[in-house]
Amino acid sequence: MVVFTLCNDHIDGATIYRDRLTTDPKGEDSSVPVADWNAISPITPGNAMKASLSTAEPSQSWSRVGAVEALRPGVRYVVYGWTRDNTWSTAAVEFTLERLSRLKPGQVLTQTYVQATGKDVDTVQSYRQFESSTCAVTS
């Protein structure tokens, strides 16, 4: 399940991709899309929390586009939301099946960039925390 929260703008679709492997057909991109979805109608700040994307089942908010590659252990995946005209996208979240398996029902995996280390750090929070704090403005 992928959940989005938007503070502004909208998204028209979502993609999960992985790094290109030596066994993949040659291509110009260093990444390979694993699964793509189009939003039935734009996902906005007002409807994002109700428009969760189930990667396994059909949805009222999303339609799957093309074939889907099964996720594999040990592979790093990235998921993000995007606009058709490429003017805006959500933050991307990196995951592996192993990292997802440690989540409990009702938890959300996000990443926070730590400037001192130059790396993203996993943050796990409850769905309620995610919903209420993601667009919070600190003064």
Protein backbone atom coordinates (compact mmCIF):
# COMPACT_ATOMS: atom_id res chain seq x y z
CA MET A 1 0.00 0.00 0.00
CA VAL A 2 1.31 3.44 -0.94
CA VAL A 3 -0.09 6.51 0.81
CA PHE A 4 0.40 10.04 -0.40
CA THR A 5 -0.04 13.34 1.33
CA LEU A 6 0.18 16.50 -0.69
CA CYS A 7 0.70 19.98 0.72
CA ASN A 8 0.05 21.66 -2.64
CA ASP A 9 -0.45 20.97 -6.33
CA HIS A 10 -1.55 17.48 -7.45
CA ILE A 11 -0.30 14.19 -8.89
CA ASP A 12 -1.61 12.33 -11.94
CA GLY A 13 0.21 9.04 -11.46
CA ALA A 14 2.64 6.94 -9.47
CA THR A 15 5.64 4.79 -10.37
CA ILE A 16 7.75 2.19 -8.63
CA TYR A 17 11.19 1.74 -10.19
CA ARG A 18 14.50 0.00 -9.48
CA ASP A 19 18.08 0.32 -10.66
CA ARG A 20 18.88 -1.32 -14.00
CA LEU A 21 20.60 -4.71 -13.61
CA THR A 22 23.16 -6.23 -15.94
CA THR A 23 20.53 -8.86 -16.85
CA ASP A 24 18.06 -6.18 -18.03
CA PRO A 25 17.82 -5.25 -21.70
CA LYS A 26 20.10 -2.34 -22.54
CA GLY A 27 18.57 1.09 -22.14
CA GLU A 28 19.44 4.74 -21.78
CA ASP A 29 18.02 5.12 -18.27
CA SER A 30 19.82 3.84 -15.20
CA SER A 31 16.46 2.81 -13.73
CA VAL A 32 13.67 0.45 -14.80
CA PRO A 33 9.98 1.04 -14.05
CA VAL A 34 8.48 -1.88 -12.16
CA ALA A 35 4.87 -0.68 -11.98
CA ASP A 36 2.95 2.41 -13.10
CA TRP A 37 -0.49 3.75 -12.21
CA ASN A 38 -2.58 6.61 -13.55
CA ALA A 39 -4.87 8.48 -11.19
CA ILE A 40 -8.52 8.25 -12.26
CA SER A 41 -8.72 11.98 -11.48
CA PRO A 42 -5.97 14.24 -10.11
CA ILE A 43 -4.87 13.42 -6.56
CA THR A 44 -4.94 16.70 -4.62
CA PRO A 45 -4.24 17.79 -1.04
CA GLY A 46 -7.96 17.43 -0.35
CA ASN A 47 -8.29 13.80 -1.48
CA ALA A 48 -4.77 12.35 -1.16
CA MET A 49 -5.23 10.57 2.16
CA LYS A 50 -8.34 8.83 0.83
CA ALA A 51 -6.60 7.83 -2.41
CA SER A 52 -4.23 5.18 -1.07
CA LEU A 53 -2.67 3.08 -3.81
CA SER A 54 -3.02 -0.65 -3.33
CA THR A 55 -0.28 -2.28 -5.36
CA ALA A 56 -2.06 -5.64 -5.25
CA GLU A 57 -5.74 -4.88 -5.82
CA PRO A 58 -7.82 -2.65 -8.11
CA SER A 59 -8.68 0.78 -6.75
CA GLN A 60 -11.34 3.43 -7.28
CA SER A 61 -8.63 6.10 -7.47
CA TRP A 62 -5.98 4.38 -9.61
CA SER A 63 -5.67 2.32 -12.80
CA ARG A 64 -2.61 0.21 -13.41
CA VAL A 65 -0.72 0.83 -16.66
CA GLY A 66 1.09 -2.02 -18.40
CA ALA A 67 2.75 -5.06 -16.92
CA VAL A 68 3.94 -5.27 -13.33
CA GLU A 69 7.23 -6.84 -12.31
CA ALA A 70 7.12 -8.86 -9.10
CA LEU A 71 9.11 -7.24 -6.29
CA ARG A 72 12.13 -9.28 -5.22
CA PRO A 73 14.05 -9.55 -1.95
CA GLY A 74 17.32 -7.64 -1.81
CA VAL A 75 16.36 -5.16 -4.54
CA ARG A 76 16.14 -1.41 -3.80
CA TYR A 77 12.92 0.15 -5.09
CA VAL A 78 11.75 3.75 -5.19
CA VAL A 79 8.15 4.99 -5.34
CA TYR A 80 6.93 8.50 -6.11
CA GLY A 81 3.95 10.40 -7.50
CA TRP A 82 4.16 12.63 -10.57
CA THR A 83 2.27 14.97 -12.88
CA ARG A 84 1.73 14.21 -16.57
CA ASP A 85 3.48 17.42 -17.61
CA ASN A 86 6.44 16.79 -15.26
CA THR A 87 5.96 20.10 -13.45
CA TRP A 88 5.75 18.54 -10.00
CA SER A 89 6.34 15.30 -8.09
CA THR A 90 6.16 13.99 -4.56
CA ALA A 91 9.18 13.11 -2.50
CA ALA A 92 10.41 9.65 -3.39
CA VAL A 93 10.58 6.86 -0.83
CA GLU A 94 13.20 4.15 -1.15
CA PHE A 95 12.39 0.66 0.15
CA THR A 96 13.24 -3.02 0.03
CA LEU A 97 10.92 -5.90 0.81
CA GLU A 98 13.00 -6.56 3.92
CA ARG A 99 12.45 -3.01 5.22
CA LEU A 100 8.73 -3.19 4.47
CA SER A 101 8.42 -6.53 6.29
CA ARG A 102 9.41 -4.80 9.54
CA LEU A 103 6.42 -2.44 9.38
CA LYS A 104 3.42 -3.21 11.52
CA PRO A 105 -0.15 -2.62 10.30
CA GLY A 106 -0.94 1.10 10.47
CA GLN A 107 2.69 2.23 10.09
CA VAL A 108 4.09 4.37 7.26
CA LEU A 109 7.68 4.40 6.00
CA THR A 110 9.06 7.79 4.95
CA GLN A 111 12.55 9.16 4.58
CA THR A 112 14.06 12.28 6.07
CA TYR A 113 17.12 13.90 4.53
CA VAL A 114 19.89 14.54 7.07
CA GLN A 115 22.10 17.33 5.76
CA ALA A 116 25.02 16.54 8.09
CA THR A 117 25.42 13.05 6.60
CA GLY A 118 24.01 13.74 3.15
CA LYS A 119 21.79 10.68 3.45
CA ASP A 120 18.13 9.85 3.78
CA VAL A 121 17.16 8.12 7.02
CA ASP A 122 14.11 5.88 7.39
CA THR A 123 11.34 7.27 9.57
CA VAL A 124 8.52 4.99 10.66
CA GLN A 125 5.41 6.58 12.07
CA SER A 126 1.78 5.73 12.58
CA TYR A 127 -0.66 6.51 9.80
CA ARG A 128 -2.27 9.12 12.07
CA GLN A 129 1.09 10.83 12.69
CA PHE A 130 1.83 10.78 8.97
CA GLU A 131 -1.56 12.26 8.15
CA SER A 132 -1.36 15.04 10.73
CA SER A 133 2.30 16.08 10.54
CA THR A 134 3.46 15.82 6.95
CA CYS A 135 2.34 19.30 5.88
CA ALA A 136 2.63 20.92 9.29
CA VAL A 137 4.42 24.25 9.18
CA THR A 138 6.86 24.95 11.98
CA SER A 139 7.45 28.51 13.09
